[in-house]
């Protein structure tokens, strides 16, 4: 069972409706660490993500694309594939070290 984990921050992602401006701050999110929650999102999106990720798996953000009603994240480990941001949480939000390949302390 999950301890509550807030979905990943969208700060610094590309605002898709503002001609390439960054959302909330001008610093790119590249290199930020997040982990797979194994919940949230549409059923089909979650099913596809479960084929690639294990619950708690840590991933490195390449870019975030912020839309009006949904946002997507692309990972360094999976270039050119985008995933719904609500399926991931920031490692630093809960104080996890994020040096490991998965986060067990929040699962």
PDB file of N, CA and C in Angstrom:
ATOM      1  N   UNK A   1       0.837  -1.194   0.000  1.00  0.00           N
ATOM      2  CA  UNK A   1       0.000   0.000   0.000  1.00  0.00           C
ATOM      3  C   UNK A   1       0.873   1.245   0.000  1.00  0.00           C
ATOM      4  N   UNK A   2       0.462   2.249  -0.720  1.00  0.00           N
ATOM      5  CA  UNK A   2       1.215   3.486  -0.831  1.00  0.00           C
ATOM      6  C   UNK A   2       1.061   4.389   0.373  1.00  0.00           C
ATOM      7  N   UNK A   3       2.161   4.973   0.748  1.00  0.00           N
ATOM      8  CA  UNK A   3       2.139   6.148   1.589  1.00  0.00           C
ATOM      9  C   UNK A   3       1.768   7.261   0.606  1.00  0.00           C
ATOM     10  N   UNK A   4       1.075   8.297   1.042  1.00  0.00           N
ATOM     11  CA  UNK A   4       0.674   9.361   0.116  1.00  0.00           C
ATOM     12  C   UNK A   4       1.895   9.967  -0.562  1.00  0.00           C
ATOM     13  N   UNK A   5       1.823  10.096  -1.864  1.00  0.00           N
ATOM     14  CA  UNK A   5       2.893  10.745  -2.631  1.00  0.00           C
ATOM     15  C   UNK A   5       2.244  11.670  -3.650  1.00  0.00           C
ATOM     16  N   UNK A   6       2.610  12.925  -3.611  1.00  0.00           N
ATOM     17  CA  UNK A   6       2.098  13.917  -4.546  1.00  0.00           C
ATOM     18  C   UNK A   6       2.731  13.678  -5.913  1.00  0.00           C
ATOM     19  N   UNK A   7       1.958  13.852  -6.978  1.00  0.00           N
ATOM     20  CA  UNK A   7       2.497  13.709  -8.333  1.00  0.00           C
ATOM     21  C   UNK A   7       3.637  14.690  -8.565  1.00  0.00           C
ATOM     22  N   UNK A   8       4.501  14.350  -9.486  1.00  0.00           N
ATOM     23  CA  UNK A   8       5.698  15.146  -9.766  1.00  0.00           C
ATOM     24  C   UNK A   8       5.372  16.598 -10.111  1.00  0.00           C
ATOM     25  N   UNK A   9       6.296  17.465  -9.797  1.00  0.00           N
ATOM     26  CA  UNK A   9       6.173  18.889 -10.101  1.00  0.00           C
ATOM     27  C   UNK A   9       6.332  19.112 -11.605  1.00  0.00           C
ATOM     28  N   UNK A  10       5.598  20.084 -12.124  1.00  0.00           N
ATOM     29  CA  UNK A  10       5.690  20.443 -13.540  1.00  0.00           C
ATOM     30  C   UNK A  10       6.605  21.641 -13.769  1.00  0.00           C
ATOM     31  N   UNK A  11       7.128  22.221 -12.705  1.00  0.00           N
ATOM     32  CA  UNK A  11       7.964  23.419 -12.808  1.00  0.00           C
ATOM     33  C   UNK A  11       9.138  23.223 -13.763  1.00  0.00           C
ATOM     34  N   UNK A  12       9.309  24.182 -14.644  1.00  0.00           N
ATOM     35  CA  UNK A  12      10.412  24.145 -15.592  1.00  0.00           C
ATOM     36  C   UNK A  12      10.100  23.429 -16.890  1.00  0.00           C
ATOM     37  N   UNK A  13       8.962  22.724 -16.940  1.00  0.00           N
ATOM     38  CA  UNK A  13       8.578  22.043 -18.167  1.00  0.00           C
ATOM     39  C   UNK A  13       8.197  23.034 -19.255  1.00  0.00           C
ATOM     40  N   UNK A  14       8.185  22.581 -20.487  1.00  0.00           N
ATOM     41  CA  UNK A  14       7.807  23.441 -21.607  1.00  0.00           C
ATOM     42  C   UNK A  14       6.295  23.623 -21.596  1.00  0.00           C
ATOM     43  N   UNK A  15       5.847  24.875 -21.546  1.00  0.00           N
ATOM     44  CA  UNK A  15       4.421  25.200 -21.606  1.00  0.00           C
ATOM     45  C   UNK A  15       4.000  25.118 -23.069  1.00  0.00           C
ATOM     46  N   UNK A  16       3.237  24.109 -23.417  1.00  0.00           N
ATOM     47  CA  UNK A  16       2.887  23.841 -24.807  1.00  0.00           C
ATOM     48  C   UNK A  16       1.976  24.909 -25.419  1.00  0.00           C
ATOM     49  N   UNK A  17       1.413  25.792 -24.598  1.00  0.00           N
ATOM     50  CA  UNK A  17       0.518  26.828 -25.104  1.00  0.00           C
ATOM     51  C   UNK A  17       1.112  28.223 -24.977  1.00  0.00           C
ATOM     52  N   UNK A  18       2.398  28.327 -24.711  1.00  0.00           N
ATOM     53  CA  UNK A  18       3.058  29.632 -24.578  1.00  0.00           C
ATOM     54  C   UNK A  18       4.316  29.726 -25.431  1.00  0.00           C
ATOM     55  N   UNK A  19       4.267  29.171 -26.614  1.00  0.00           N
ATOM     56  CA  UNK A  19       5.371  29.261 -27.578  1.00  0.00           C
ATOM     57  C   UNK A  19       6.728  28.895 -26.996  1.00  0.00           C
ATOM     58  N   UNK A  20       6.779  27.755 -26.321  1.00  0.00           N
ATOM     59  CA  UNK A  20       8.048  27.231 -25.841  1.00  0.00           C
ATOM     60  C   UNK A  20       8.562  27.806 -24.538  1.00  0.00           C
ATOM     61  N   UNK A  21       7.796  28.679 -23.893  1.00  0.00           N
ATOM     62  CA  UNK A  21       8.235  29.197 -22.597  1.00  0.00           C
ATOM     63  C   UNK A  21       8.152  28.092 -21.554  1.00  0.00           C
ATOM     64  N   UNK A  22       8.916  28.240 -20.505  1.00  0.00           N
ATOM     65  CA  UNK A  22       8.920  27.250 -19.430  1.00  0.00           C
ATOM     66  C   UNK A  22       7.834  27.564 -18.414  1.00  0.00           C
ATOM     67  N   UNK A  23       7.274  26.516 -17.832  1.00  0.00           N
ATOM     68  CA  UNK A  23       6.174  26.637 -16.888  1.00  0.00           C
ATOM     69  C   UNK A  23       6.688  26.929 -15.481  1.00  0.00           C
ATOM     70  N   UNK A  24       6.317  28.088 -14.940  1.00  0.00           N
ATOM     71  CA  UNK A  24       6.617  28.401 -13.545  1.00  0.00           C
ATOM     72  C   UNK A  24       8.007  28.923 -13.249  1.00  0.00           C
ATOM     73  N   UNK A  25       9.004  28.436 -13.948  1.00  0.00           N
ATOM     74  CA  UNK A  25      10.371  28.937 -13.800  1.00  0.00           C
ATOM     75  C   UNK A  25      11.149  28.594 -15.059  1.00  0.00           C
ATOM     76  N   UNK A  26      12.214  29.315 -15.301  1.00  0.00           N
ATOM     77  CA  UNK A  26      12.963  29.185 -16.553  1.00  0.00           C
ATOM     78  C   UNK A  26      14.019  28.081 -16.550  1.00  0.00           C
ATOM     79  N   UNK A  27      14.194  27.391 -15.451  1.00  0.00           N
ATOM     80  CA  UNK A  27      15.203  26.337 -15.355  1.00  0.00           C
ATOM     81  C   UNK A  27      14.616  25.013 -15.846  1.00  0.00           C
ATOM     82  N   UNK A  28      15.299  24.367 -16.770  1.00  0.00           N
ATOM     83  CA  UNK A  28      14.870  23.076 -17.308  1.00  0.00           C
ATOM     84  C   UNK A  28      14.838  22.011 -16.208  1.00  0.00           C
ATOM     85  N   UNK A  29      13.883  21.087 -16.276  1.00  0.00           N
ATOM     86  CA  UNK A  29      13.819  20.008 -15.292  1.00  0.00           C
ATOM     87  C   UNK A  29      14.787  18.852 -15.591  1.00  0.00           C
ATOM     88  N   UNK A  30      15.565  18.961 -16.661  1.00  0.00           N
ATOM     89  CA  UNK A  30      16.462  17.879 -17.080  1.00  0.00           C
ATOM     90  C   UNK A  30      17.373  17.452 -15.929  1.00  0.00           C
ATOM     91  N   UNK A  31      17.420  16.140 -15.707  1.00  0.00           N
ATOM     92  CA  UNK A  31      18.272  15.583 -14.662  1.00  0.00           C
ATOM     93  C   UNK A  31      17.564  15.342 -13.339  1.00  0.00           C
ATOM     94  N   UNK A  32      16.368  15.888 -13.195  1.00  0.00           N
ATOM     95  CA  UNK A  32      15.608  15.682 -11.963  1.00  0.00           C
ATOM     96  C   UNK A  32      15.211  14.212 -11.840  1.00  0.00           C
ATOM     97  N   UNK A  33      15.167  13.697 -10.631  1.00  0.00           N
ATOM     98  CA  UNK A  33      14.817  12.295 -10.399  1.00  0.00           C
ATOM     99  C   UNK A  33      13.375  12.183  -9.923  1.00  0.00           C
ATOM    100  N   UNK A  34      12.665  11.226 -10.511  1.00  0.00           N
ATOM    101  CA  UNK A  34      11.297  10.907 -10.115  1.00  0.00           C
ATOM    102  C   UNK A  34      11.184   9.393  -9.993  1.00  0.00           C
ATOM    103  N   UNK A  35      10.103   8.920  -9.390  1.00  0.00           N
ATOM    104  CA  UNK A  35       9.889   7.477  -9.318  1.00  0.00           C
ATOM    105  C   UNK A  35       8.471   7.127  -9.744  1.00  0.00           C
ATOM    106  N   UNK A  36       8.304   5.898 -10.241  1.00  0.00           N
ATOM    107  CA  UNK A  36       7.033   5.401 -10.766  1.00  0.00           C
ATOM    108  C   UNK A  36       6.117   5.007  -9.616  1.00  0.00           C
ATOM    109  N   UNK A  37       4.912   5.608  -9.587  1.00  0.00           N
ATOM    110  CA  UNK A  37       3.941   5.332  -8.531  1.00  0.00           C
ATOM    111  C   UNK A  37       3.133   4.061  -8.777  1.00  0.00           C
ATOM    112  N   UNK A  38       3.016   3.646 -10.028  1.00  0.00           N
ATOM    113  CA  UNK A  38       2.199   2.491 -10.398  1.00  0.00           C
ATOM    114  C   UNK A  38       0.723   2.743 -10.095  1.00  0.00           C
ATOM    115  N   UNK A  39       0.306   3.982 -10.270  1.00  0.00           N
ATOM    116  CA  UNK A  39      -1.105   4.360 -10.119  1.00  0.00           C
ATOM    117  C   UNK A  39      -1.327   5.692 -10.822  1.00  0.00           C
ATOM    118  N   UNK A  40      -2.578   6.088 -10.928  1.00  0.00           N
ATOM    119  CA  UNK A  40      -3.022   7.335 -11.570  1.00  0.00           C
ATOM    120  C   UNK A  40      -2.951   7.225 -13.091  1.00  0.00           C
ATOM    121  N   UNK A  41      -3.536   8.181 -13.775  1.00  0.00           N
ATOM    122  CA  UNK A  41      -3.553   8.185 -15.234  1.00  0.00           C
ATOM    123  C   UNK A  41      -4.667   7.312 -15.782  1.00  0.00           C
ATOM    124  N   UNK A  42      -4.795   7.322 -17.091  1.00  0.00           N
ATOM    125  CA  UNK A  42      -5.785   6.491 -17.762  1.00  0.00           C
ATOM    126  C   UNK A  42      -5.311   5.044 -17.775  1.00  0.00           C
ATOM    127  N   UNK A  43      -6.255   4.114 -17.803  1.00  0.00           N
ATOM    128  CA  UNK A  43      -5.938   2.684 -17.731  1.00  0.00           C
ATOM    129  C   UNK A  43      -4.938   2.260 -18.808  1.00  0.00           C
ATOM    130  N   UNK A  44      -5.134   2.726 -20.033  1.00  0.00           N
ATOM    131  CA  UNK A  44      -4.242   2.339 -21.130  1.00  0.00           C
ATOM    132  C   UNK A  44      -2.825   2.890 -20.909  1.00  0.00           C
ATOM    133  N   UNK A  45      -2.723   4.126 -20.410  1.00  0.00           N
ATOM    134  CA  UNK A  45      -1.408   4.717 -20.131  1.00  0.00           C
ATOM    135  C   UNK A  45      -0.686   3.935 -19.040  1.00  0.00           C
ATOM    136  N   UNK A  46      -1.422   3.603 -18.005  1.00  0.00           N
ATOM    137  CA  UNK A  46      -0.844   2.877 -16.879  1.00  0.00           C
ATOM    138  C   UNK A  46      -0.397   1.481 -17.303  1.00  0.00           C
ATOM    139  N   UNK A  47      -1.194   0.836 -18.140  1.00  0.00           N
ATOM    140  CA  UNK A  47      -0.843  -0.500 -18.645  1.00  0.00           C
ATOM    141  C   UNK A  47       0.475  -0.456 -19.428  1.00  0.00           C
ATOM    142  N   UNK A  48       0.641   0.548 -20.284  1.00  0.00           N
ATOM    143  CA  UNK A  48       1.879   0.689 -21.058  1.00  0.00           C
ATOM    144  C   UNK A  48       3.073   0.969 -20.149  1.00  0.00           C
ATOM    145  N   UNK A  49       2.883   1.833 -19.160  1.00  0.00           N
ATOM    146  CA  UNK A  49       3.974   2.165 -18.233  1.00  0.00           C
ATOM    147  C   UNK A  49       4.397   0.943 -17.425  1.00  0.00           C
ATOM    148  N   UNK A  50       3.439   0.125 -17.029  1.00  0.00           N
ATOM    149  CA  UNK A  50       3.750  -1.073 -16.228  1.00  0.00           C
ATOM    150  C   UNK A  50       4.591  -2.081 -17.005  1.00  0.00           C
ATOM    151  N   UNK A  51       4.546  -2.029 -18.325  1.00  0.00           N
ATOM    152  CA  UNK A  51       5.378  -2.917 -19.146  1.00  0.00           C
ATOM    153  C   UNK A  51       6.855  -2.518 -19.076  1.00  0.00           C
ATOM    154  N   UNK A  52       7.115  -1.249 -18.778  1.00  0.00           N
ATOM    155  CA  UNK A  52       8.490  -0.741 -18.752  1.00  0.00           C
ATOM    156  C   UNK A  52       9.041  -0.515 -17.353  1.00  0.00           C
ATOM    157  N   UNK A  53       8.180  -0.105 -16.417  1.00  0.00           N
ATOM    158  CA  UNK A  53       8.646   0.316 -15.097  1.00  0.00           C
ATOM    159  C   UNK A  53       8.139  -0.586 -13.991  1.00  0.00           C
ATOM    160  N   UNK A  54       8.951  -0.690 -12.950  1.00  0.00           N
ATOM    161  CA  UNK A  54       8.544  -1.368 -11.724  1.00  0.00           C
ATOM    162  C   UNK A  54       8.133  -0.296 -10.723  1.00  0.00           C
ATOM    163  N   UNK A  55       7.206  -0.622  -9.867  1.00  0.00           N
ATOM    164  CA  UNK A  55       6.770   0.306  -8.829  1.00  0.00           C
ATOM    165  C   UNK A  55       7.968   0.787  -8.020  1.00  0.00           C
ATOM    166  N   UNK A  56       8.105   2.101  -7.900  1.00  0.00           N
ATOM    167  CA  UNK A  56       9.217   2.679  -7.161  1.00  0.00           C
ATOM    168  C   UNK A  56      10.476   2.899  -7.977  1.00  0.00           C
ATOM    169  N   UNK A  57      10.476   2.474  -9.239  1.00  0.00           N
ATOM    170  CA  UNK A  57      11.669   2.637 -10.083  1.00  0.00           C
ATOM    171  C   UNK A  57      11.996   4.112 -10.265  1.00  0.00           C
ATOM    172  N   UNK A  58      13.256   4.455 -10.087  1.00  0.00           N
ATOM    173  CA  UNK A  58      13.724   5.835 -10.238  1.00  0.00           C
ATOM    174  C   UNK A  58      14.118   6.090 -11.691  1.00  0.00           C
ATOM    175  N   UNK A  59      13.684   7.240 -12.223  1.00  0.00           N
ATOM    176  CA  UNK A  59      13.967   7.628 -13.601  1.00  0.00           C
ATOM    177  C   UNK A  59      14.481   9.063 -13.632  1.00  0.00           C
ATOM    178  N   UNK A  60      15.205   9.393 -14.686  1.00  0.00           N
ATOM    179  CA  UNK A  60      15.784  10.723 -14.847  1.00  0.00           C
ATOM    180  C   UNK A  60      14.998  11.506 -15.893  1.00  0.00           C
ATOM    181  N   UNK A  61      14.491  12.662 -15.521  1.00  0.00           N
ATOM    182  CA  UNK A  61      13.696  13.495 -16.422  1.00  0.00           C
ATOM    183  C   UNK A  61      14.574  14.077 -17.527  1.00  0.00           C
ATOM    184  N   UNK A  62      14.105  13.934 -18.758  1.00  0.00           N
ATOM    185  CA  UNK A  62      14.749  14.598 -19.900  1.00  0.00           C
ATOM    186  C   UNK A  62      14.008  15.907 -20.187  1.00  0.00           C
ATOM    187  N   UNK A  63      12.658  15.832 -20.225  1.00  0.00           N
ATOM    188  CA  UNK A  63      11.841  17.023 -20.463  1.00  0.00           C
ATOM    189  C   UNK A  63      10.417  16.770 -19.979  1.00  0.00           C
ATOM    190  N   UNK A  64       9.736  17.851 -19.640  1.00  0.00           N
ATOM    191  CA  UNK A  64       8.325  17.813 -19.258  1.00  0.00           C
ATOM    192  C   UNK A  64       7.580  18.705 -20.239  1.00  0.00           C
ATOM    193  N   UNK A  65       6.434  18.236 -20.721  1.00  0.00           N
ATOM    194  CA  UNK A  65       5.603  18.977 -21.656  1.00  0.00           C
ATOM    195  C   UNK A  65       4.280  19.271 -20.955  1.00  0.00           C
ATOM    196  N   UNK A  66       4.048  20.541 -20.612  1.00  0.00           N
ATOM    197  CA  UNK A  66       2.889  20.935 -19.813  1.00  0.00           C
ATOM    198  C   UNK A  66       1.749  21.365 -20.727  1.00  0.00           C
ATOM    199  N   UNK A  67       0.635  20.628 -20.656  1.00  0.00           N
ATOM    200  CA  UNK A  67      -0.554  20.961 -21.428  1.00  0.00           C
ATOM    201  C   UNK A  67      -1.603  21.607 -20.546  1.00  0.00           C
ATOM    202  N   UNK A  68      -2.771  21.857 -21.100  1.00  0.00           N
ATOM    203  CA  UNK A  68      -3.844  22.487 -20.324  1.00  0.00           C
ATOM    204  C   UNK A  68      -4.506  21.506 -19.375  1.00  0.00           C
ATOM    205  N   UNK A  69      -4.815  20.315 -19.855  1.00  0.00           N
ATOM    206  CA  UNK A  69      -5.520  19.355 -18.998  1.00  0.00           C
ATOM    207  C   UNK A  69      -4.676  18.144 -18.632  1.00  0.00           C
ATOM    208  N   UNK A  70      -3.556  17.966 -19.291  1.00  0.00           N
ATOM    209  CA  UNK A  70      -2.642  16.879 -18.933  1.00  0.00           C
ATOM    210  C   UNK A  70      -1.225  17.267 -19.351  1.00  0.00           C
ATOM    211  N   UNK A  71      -0.269  16.595 -18.757  1.00  0.00           N
ATOM    212  CA  UNK A  71       1.141  16.862 -19.043  1.00  0.00           C
ATOM    213  C   UNK A  71       1.878  15.548 -19.215  1.00  0.00           C
ATOM    214  N   UNK A  72       2.970  15.599 -19.967  1.00  0.00           N
ATOM    215  CA  UNK A  72       3.753  14.399 -20.234  1.00  0.00           C
ATOM    216  C   UNK A  72       5.205  14.618 -19.849  1.00  0.00           C
ATOM    217  N   UNK A  73       5.871  13.503 -19.531  1.00  0.00           N
ATOM    218  CA  UNK A  73       7.287  13.535 -19.181  1.00  0.00           C
ATOM    219  C   UNK A  73       8.031  12.567 -20.097  1.00  0.00           C
ATOM    220  N   UNK A  74       9.228  12.973 -20.500  1.00  0.00           N
ATOM    221  CA  UNK A  74      10.123  12.116 -21.280  1.00  0.00           C
ATOM    222  C   UNK A  74      11.342  11.851 -20.408  1.00  0.00           C
ATOM    223  N   UNK A  75      11.830  10.614 -20.418  1.00  0.00           N
ATOM    224  CA  UNK A  75      12.946  10.223 -19.565  1.00  0.00           C
ATOM    225  C   UNK A  75      14.221   9.987 -20.368  1.00  0.00           C
ATOM    226  N   UNK A  76      15.346  10.257 -19.746  1.00  0.00           N
ATOM    227  CA  UNK A  76      16.656   9.992 -20.344  1.00  0.00           C
ATOM    228  C   UNK A  76      16.755   8.513 -20.715  1.00  0.00           C
ATOM    229  N   UNK A  77      16.245   7.651 -19.852  1.00  0.00           N
ATOM    230  CA  UNK A  77      16.345   6.200 -20.045  1.00  0.00           C
ATOM    231  C   UNK A  77      15.442   5.685 -21.164  1.00  0.00           C
ATOM    232  N   UNK A  78      14.409   6.452 -21.547  1.00  0.00           N
ATOM    233  CA  UNK A  78      13.457   6.047 -22.586  1.00  0.00           C
ATOM    234  C   UNK A  78      13.207   7.223 -23.537  1.00  0.00           C
ATOM    235  N   UNK A  79      14.205   7.610 -24.335  1.00  0.00           N
ATOM    236  CA  UNK A  79      14.041   8.762 -25.219  1.00  0.00           C
ATOM    237  C   UNK A  79      12.910   8.555 -26.227  1.00  0.00           C
ATOM    238  N   UNK A  80      12.249   9.644 -26.545  1.00  0.00           N
ATOM    239  CA  UNK A  80      11.158   9.700 -27.526  1.00  0.00           C
ATOM    240  C   UNK A  80       9.866   9.035 -27.059  1.00  0.00           C
ATOM    241  N   UNK A  81       9.816   8.545 -25.820  1.00  0.00           N
ATOM    242  CA  UNK A  81       8.577   8.003 -25.255  1.00  0.00           C
ATOM    243  C   UNK A  81       8.099   8.982 -24.193  1.00  0.00           C
ATOM    244  N   UNK A  82       6.804   9.277 -24.205  1.00  0.00           N
ATOM    245  CA  UNK A  82       6.241  10.222 -23.242  1.00  0.00           C
ATOM    246  C   UNK A  82       5.202   9.519 -22.377  1.00  0.00           C
ATOM    247  N   UNK A  83       5.155   9.938 -21.113  1.00  0.00           N
ATOM    248  CA  UNK A  83       4.265   9.323 -20.132  1.00  0.00           C
ATOM    249  C   UNK A  83       3.527  10.405 -19.353  1.00  0.00           C
ATOM    250  N   UNK A  84       2.315  10.094 -18.932  1.00  0.00           N
ATOM    251  CA  UNK A  84       1.514  11.019 -18.136  1.00  0.00           C
ATOM    252  C   UNK A  84       2.229  11.299 -16.814  1.00  0.00           C
ATOM    253  N   UNK A  85       2.399  12.567 -16.485  1.00  0.00           N
ATOM    254  CA  UNK A  85       3.155  12.951 -15.285  1.00  0.00           C
ATOM    255  C   UNK A  85       2.502  12.510 -13.979  1.00  0.00           C
ATOM    256  N   UNK A  86       1.188  12.276 -13.973  1.00  0.00           N
ATOM    257  CA  UNK A  86       0.521  11.901 -12.716  1.00  0.00           C
ATOM    258  C   UNK A  86       0.924  10.510 -12.227  1.00  0.00           C
ATOM    259  N   UNK A  87       1.620   9.744 -13.057  1.00  0.00           N
ATOM    260  CA  UNK A  87       2.059   8.400 -12.666  1.00  0.00           C
ATOM    261  C   UNK A  87       3.406   8.400 -11.957  1.00  0.00           C
ATOM    262  N   UNK A  88       3.982   9.598 -11.728  1.00  0.00           N
ATOM    263  CA  UNK A  88       5.321   9.716 -11.147  1.00  0.00           C
ATOM    264  C   UNK A  88       5.329  10.743 -10.028  1.00  0.00           C
ATOM    265  N   UNK A  89       6.280  10.597  -9.109  1.00  0.00           N
ATOM    266  CA  UNK A  89       6.448  11.547  -8.003  1.00  0.00           C
ATOM    267  C   UNK A  89       7.911  11.945  -7.911  1.00  0.00           C
ATOM    268  N   UNK A  90       8.140  13.180  -7.454  1.00  0.00           N
ATOM    269  CA  UNK A  90       9.510  13.663  -7.255  1.00  0.00           C
ATOM    270  C   UNK A  90      10.162  12.936  -6.093  1.00  0.00           C
ATOM    271  N   UNK A  91      11.391  12.508  -6.276  1.00  0.00           N
ATOM    272  CA  UNK A  91      12.134  11.850  -5.199  1.00  0.00           C
ATOM    273  C   UNK A  91      12.392  12.809  -4.049  1.00  0.00           C
ATOM    274  N   UNK A  92      12.793  14.010  -4.351  1.00  0.00           N
ATOM    275  CA  UNK A  92      13.159  14.964  -3.307  1.00  0.00           C
ATOM    276  C   UNK A  92      11.975  15.446  -2.497  1.00  0.00           C
ATOM    277  N   UNK A  93      10.775  15.282  -3.005  1.00  0.00           N
ATOM    278  CA  UNK A  93       9.580  15.731  -2.285  1.00  0.00           C
ATOM    279  C   UNK A  93       9.462  15.054  -0.931  1.00  0.00           C
ATOM    280  N   UNK A  94       9.802  13.790  -0.864  1.00  0.00           N
ATOM    281  CA  UNK A  94       9.723  13.029   0.379  1.00  0.00           C
ATOM    282  C   UNK A  94      11.090  12.856   1.029  1.00  0.00           C
ATOM    283  N   UNK A  95      12.124  13.420   0.424  1.00  0.00           N
ATOM    284  CA  UNK A  95      13.463  13.356   1.001  1.00  0.00           C
ATOM    285  C   UNK A  95      14.236  12.090   0.666  1.00  0.00           C
ATOM    286  N   UNK A  96      13.806  11.343  -0.343  1.00  0.00           N
ATOM    287  CA  UNK A  96      14.515  10.128  -0.712  1.00  0.00           C
ATOM    288  C   UNK A  96      15.865  10.466  -1.339  1.00  0.00           C
ATOM    289  N   UNK A  97      16.812   9.615  -1.167  1.00  0.00           N
ATOM    290  CA  UNK A  97      18.156   9.846  -1.693  1.00  0.00           C
ATOM    291  C   UNK A  97      18.192   9.768  -3.218  1.00  0.00           C
ATOM    292  N   UNK A  98      17.427   8.886  -3.821  1.00  0.00           N
ATOM    293  CA  UNK A  98      17.346   8.709  -5.275  1.00  0.00           C
ATOM    294  C   UNK A  98      18.641   8.232  -5.902  1.00  0.00           C
ATOM    295  N   UNK A  99      19.506   7.660  -5.153  1.00  0.00           N
ATOM    296  CA  UNK A  99      20.725   7.099  -5.719  1.00  0.00           C
ATOM    297  C   UNK A  99      20.482   5.658  -6.153  1.00  0.00           C
ATOM    298  N   UNK A 100      19.451   5.040  -5.606  1.00  0.00           N
ATOM    299  CA  UNK A 100      19.131   3.652  -5.925  1.00  0.00           C
ATOM    300  C   UNK A 100      18.256   3.589  -7.163  1.00  0.00           C
ATOM    301  N   UNK A 101      18.075   2.396  -7.682  1.00  0.00           N
ATOM    302  CA  UNK A 101      17.235   2.217  -8.855  1.00  0.00           C
ATOM    303  C   UNK A 101      15.764   2.206  -8.512  1.00  0.00           C
ATOM    304  N   UNK A 102      15.417   2.032  -7.240  1.00  0.00           N
ATOM    305  CA  UNK A 102      14.014   2.077  -6.847  1.00  0.00           C
ATOM    306  C   UNK A 102      13.886   2.656  -5.450  1.00  0.00           C
ATOM    307  N   UNK A 103      12.712   3.166  -5.176  1.00  0.00           N
ATOM    308  CA  UNK A 103      12.416   3.782  -3.887  1.00  0.00           C
ATOM    309  C   UNK A 103      11.494   2.849  -3.119  1.00  0.00           C
ATOM    310  N   UNK A 104      11.983   2.210  -2.107  1.00  0.00           N
ATOM    311  CA  UNK A 104      11.161   1.305  -1.311  1.00  0.00           C
ATOM    312  C   UNK A 104      10.542   1.994  -0.103  1.00  0.00           C
ATOM    313  N   UNK A 105      11.138   3.080   0.351  1.00  0.00           N
ATOM    314  CA  UNK A 105      10.676   3.735   1.567  1.00  0.00           C
ATOM    315  C   UNK A 105       9.281   4.318   1.456  1.00  0.00           C
ATOM    316  N   UNK A 106       8.800   4.549   0.243  1.00  0.00           N
ATOM    317  CA  UNK A 106       7.483   5.143   0.079  1.00  0.00           C
ATOM    318  C   UNK A 106       6.442   4.136  -0.380  1.00  0.00           C
ATOM    319  N   UNK A 107       6.830   2.917  -0.603  1.00  0.00           N
ATOM    320  CA  UNK A 107       5.898   1.914  -1.109  1.00  0.00           C
ATOM    321  C   UNK A 107       5.321   1.086   0.003  1.00  0.00           C
TER     322      UNK A 107
END
